[in-house]
Amino acid sequence: MDILAIFMESGNCKRLRCHAEGSLVAKRTKKSNLRSTQIQYYLCLILNSHFFSFLTEVGTHFFILSCISAHLPKTEASHWQDVMKDLKHIQFLIQSLDIDTILYTESNAHPSCKITAMRCFLLELRVISYECNNTRLTETVENVIVIANTTLSSDRNIAESGCKECEELEEKNVGEFLRSFIHIVQSFIGTS
């Protein structure tokens, strides 16, 4: 039985006929050879097309840069958007759990104190996790803390003066705390 095979040699596809001996090659092997032959044929067509040519030096560079860019880290804004999604999920969970914890809350953080305010929010967020015995809530809180701390690590050397300490902030309920937290995260998204 003849099976069409495609081989690439120096950028050109050449069709060669391979003869498989029926007595030595099982039926299953022939089917897989035929499938791989079809895949090789379509791959060759794609690689030789004028629109999508990886056989040129430019195409090779484009392919390598595409592979590298796939592994680049996300932007800060996208990290804060992940934090925002998790905070909204925490809001939903807290409404269903009816938690009445009072937390130190920065309601009007000055733009020059937003990193200090964010650190206070993250410390108080641990209190929510401690007060509640809900696994989903605890996991989401930990996720917010990890993502936010990782994103803030680039701002570790920034000194903010004249900012309130966490214990000096006004105490508010969980709902108000989360609304203020979301507001400060939005300010980080706006400046990223």
Protein backbone atom coordinates (compact mmCIF):
# COMPACT_ATOMS: atom_id res chain seq x y z
CA MET A 1 0.00 0.00 0.00
CA ASP A 2 1.32 3.48 -0.89
CA ILE A 3 1.44 6.17 1.79
CA LEU A 4 2.13 9.77 0.84
CA ALA A 5 4.88 11.27 3.00
CA ILE A 6 5.99 14.86 3.13
CA PHE A 7 9.54 15.84 3.91
CA MET A 8 10.97 19.31 4.14
CA GLU A 9 14.38 19.80 2.60
CA SER A 10 15.88 23.28 2.42
CA GLY A 11 12.50 24.99 2.56
CA ASN A 12 10.83 22.96 -0.20
CA CYS A 13 8.29 20.21 0.28
CA LYS A 14 8.96 17.08 -1.70
CA ARG A 15 6.45 14.31 -2.03
CA LEU A 16 7.91 10.87 -1.80
CA ARG A 17 6.10 7.60 -2.10
CA CYS A 18 6.85 5.15 0.64
CA HIS A 19 5.98 1.53 0.20
CA ALA A 20 4.85 -0.23 3.31
CA GLU A 21 4.74 -3.97 3.25
CA GLY A 22 1.27 -5.11 4.20
CA SER A 23 2.46 -8.21 6.02
CA LEU A 24 4.89 -6.33 8.28
CA VAL A 25 2.91 -3.19 9.10
CA ALA A 26 -0.25 -3.52 11.17
CA LYS A 27 -3.44 -1.78 10.17
CA ARG A 28 -3.24 0.57 13.17
CA THR A 29 0.26 1.69 12.24
CA LYS A 30 -0.86 2.51 8.70
CA LYS A 31 -3.64 4.75 10.03
CA SER A 32 -1.26 6.65 12.31
CA ASN A 33 1.26 7.01 9.46
CA LEU A 34 -1.47 8.37 7.23
CA ARG A 35 -2.56 10.88 9.90
CA SER A 36 0.99 12.06 10.53
CA THR A 37 1.49 12.35 6.78
CA GLN A 38 -1.55 14.58 6.49
CA ILE A 39 -0.35 16.72 9.38
CA GLN A 40 3.09 17.04 7.78
CA TYR A 41 1.49 18.02 4.49
CA TYR A 42 -0.63 20.77 6.06
CA LEU A 43 2.33 21.96 8.13
CA CYS A 44 4.40 22.22 4.96
CA LEU A 45 1.67 24.22 3.23
CA ILE A 46 1.44 26.63 6.15
CA LEU A 47 5.19 27.07 6.40
CA ASN A 48 5.56 27.73 2.67
CA SER A 49 2.68 30.16 2.33
CA HIS A 50 3.63 33.75 1.59
CA PHE A 51 1.54 35.09 4.47
CA PHE A 52 2.88 32.90 7.27
CA SER A 53 6.43 31.91 6.39
CA PHE A 54 8.66 30.66 9.18
CA LEU A 55 11.25 29.44 6.71
CA THR A 56 12.77 32.90 6.37
CA GLU A 57 15.09 34.54 8.84
CA VAL A 58 12.47 37.17 9.70
CA GLY A 59 9.86 34.48 10.29
CA THR A 60 12.21 32.60 12.58
CA HIS A 61 12.93 35.75 14.60
CA PHE A 62 9.20 36.47 14.84
CA PHE A 63 8.55 32.93 16.08
CA ILE A 64 11.30 33.10 18.72
CA LEU A 65 10.15 36.51 19.98
CA SER A 66 6.56 35.25 20.16
CA CYS A 67 7.65 32.31 22.30
CA ILE A 68 9.63 34.60 24.61
CA SER A 69 6.79 37.11 24.97
CA ALA A 70 4.41 34.34 26.00
CA HIS A 71 6.48 33.92 29.16
CA LEU A 72 6.81 37.60 30.08
CA PRO A 73 5.17 38.64 33.33
CA LYS A 74 1.84 40.40 33.40
CA THR A 75 1.62 44.14 33.81
CA GLU A 76 0.92 45.65 37.22
CA ALA A 77 -2.54 46.74 36.11
CA SER A 78 -3.53 43.17 35.31
CA HIS A 79 -2.32 42.04 38.76
CA TRP A 80 -4.48 44.71 40.40
CA GLN A 81 -7.43 43.62 38.26
CA ASP A 82 -6.97 40.10 39.63
CA VAL A 83 -6.99 41.57 43.15
CA MET A 84 -10.17 43.46 42.26
CA LYS A 85 -11.92 40.27 41.12
CA ASP A 86 -10.92 38.49 44.32
CA LEU A 87 -12.13 41.40 46.47
CA LYS A 88 -15.52 41.30 44.78
CA HIS A 89 -15.61 37.55 45.42
CA ILE A 90 -14.76 38.21 49.10
CA GLN A 91 -17.59 40.78 49.21
CA PHE A 92 -20.01 38.16 47.91
CA LEU A 93 -18.80 35.51 50.37
CA ILE A 94 -19.01 37.89 53.34
CA GLN A 95 -22.59 38.84 52.47
CA SER A 96 -23.56 35.18 52.50
CA LEU A 97 -21.65 34.49 55.75
CA ASP A 98 -22.93 37.57 57.64
CA ILE A 99 -19.63 38.60 59.26
CA ASP A 100 -19.76 41.63 61.57
CA THR A 101 -16.05 42.31 62.16
CA ILE A 102 -14.83 45.89 62.70
CA LEU A 103 -11.61 46.79 60.85
CA TYR A 104 -9.24 49.75 60.60
CA THR A 105 -10.20 51.43 57.33
CA GLU A 106 -8.61 54.21 55.29
CA SER A 107 -11.53 55.93 53.60
CA ASN A 108 -9.76 58.89 52.00
CA ALA A 109 -6.15 57.92 51.35
CA HIS A 110 -4.00 60.77 50.12
CA PRO A 111 -2.35 59.86 46.78
CA SER A 112 1.08 60.15 48.40
CA CYS A 113 0.04 57.60 51.07
CA LYS A 114 -1.62 54.94 48.97
CA ILE A 115 1.14 52.32 49.43
CA THR A 116 0.95 52.70 53.21
CA ALA A 117 -2.85 52.50 53.02
CA MET A 118 -2.61 49.36 50.88
CA ARG A 119 -0.32 47.70 53.43
CA CYS A 120 -2.83 48.52 56.18
CA PHE A 121 -5.66 47.04 54.12
CA LEU A 122 -3.65 43.86 53.59
CA LEU A 123 -2.93 43.54 57.33
CA GLU A 124 -6.61 43.99 58.16
CA LEU A 125 -7.60 41.51 55.47
CA ARG A 126 -5.85 38.83 57.52
CA VAL A 127 -8.30 39.58 60.34
CA ILE A 128 -11.20 38.62 58.06
CA SER A 129 -9.48 35.34 57.30
CA TYR A 130 -8.86 34.74 61.02
CA GLU A 131 -12.41 35.60 62.10
CA CYS A 132 -14.10 33.35 59.55
CA ASN A 133 -13.84 29.58 59.27
CA ASN A 134 -14.63 29.40 55.56
CA THR A 135 -12.05 27.68 53.36
CA ARG A 136 -13.04 29.50 50.15
CA LEU A 137 -12.87 32.87 51.89
CA THR A 138 -9.50 32.07 53.47
CA GLU A 139 -8.05 30.94 50.12
CA THR A 140 -9.32 34.05 48.34
CA VAL A 141 -7.94 36.32 51.09
CA GLU A 142 -4.54 34.62 50.88
CA ASN A 143 -4.59 34.99 47.10
CA VAL A 144 -5.25 38.75 47.39
CA ILE A 145 -2.46 39.13 49.93
CA VAL A 146 0.07 37.23 47.81
CA ILE A 147 -0.75 39.05 44.56
CA ALA A 148 -0.84 42.50 46.19
CA ASN A 149 2.40 41.98 48.14
CA THR A 150 4.15 40.69 45.04
CA THR A 151 2.98 43.70 43.05
CA LEU A 152 3.91 46.09 45.86
CA SER A 153 7.40 44.60 46.17
CA SER A 154 8.58 46.91 43.37
CA ASP A 155 7.50 49.88 45.54
CA ARG A 156 9.25 48.63 48.68
CA ASN A 157 11.86 51.41 48.68
CA ILE A 158 9.36 54.26 48.37
CA ALA A 159 9.20 56.27 51.60
CA GLU A 160 5.85 57.89 52.32
CA SER A 161 5.91 60.51 55.05
CA GLY A 162 3.00 62.05 56.93
CA CYS A 163 0.81 58.96 56.54
CA LYS A 164 -1.35 57.54 59.33
CA GLU A 165 -0.39 54.31 61.04
CA CYS A 166 -2.88 51.47 60.63
CA GLU A 167 -4.08 51.75 64.26
CA GLU A 168 -4.82 55.47 63.77
CA LEU A 169 -7.37 54.76 61.06
CA GLU A 170 -11.11 54.83 61.63
CA GLU A 171 -12.79 51.53 62.53
CA LYS A 172 -15.55 50.46 60.13
CA ASN A 173 -17.57 47.36 59.36
CA VAL A 174 -16.49 44.77 56.79
CA GLY A 175 -18.69 46.12 54.00
CA GLU A 176 -17.25 49.65 54.32
CA PHE A 177 -13.76 48.21 54.61
CA LEU A 178 -14.12 46.28 51.35
CA ARG A 179 -15.61 49.27 49.50
CA SER A 180 -12.65 51.42 50.58
CA PHE A 181 -10.24 48.62 49.70
CA ILE A 182 -11.73 48.34 46.20
CA HIS A 183 -11.45 52.13 45.82
CA ILE A 184 -7.72 52.08 46.67
CA VAL A 185 -7.11 49.16 44.29
CA GLN A 186 -8.84 51.16 41.54
CA SER A 187 -6.39 54.00 42.19
CA PHE A 188 -3.52 51.54 41.65
CA ILE A 189 -5.10 50.35 38.39
CA GLY A 190 -5.45 53.95 37.21
CA THR A 191 -1.75 54.72 37.74
CA SER A 192 -0.27 51.49 36.34
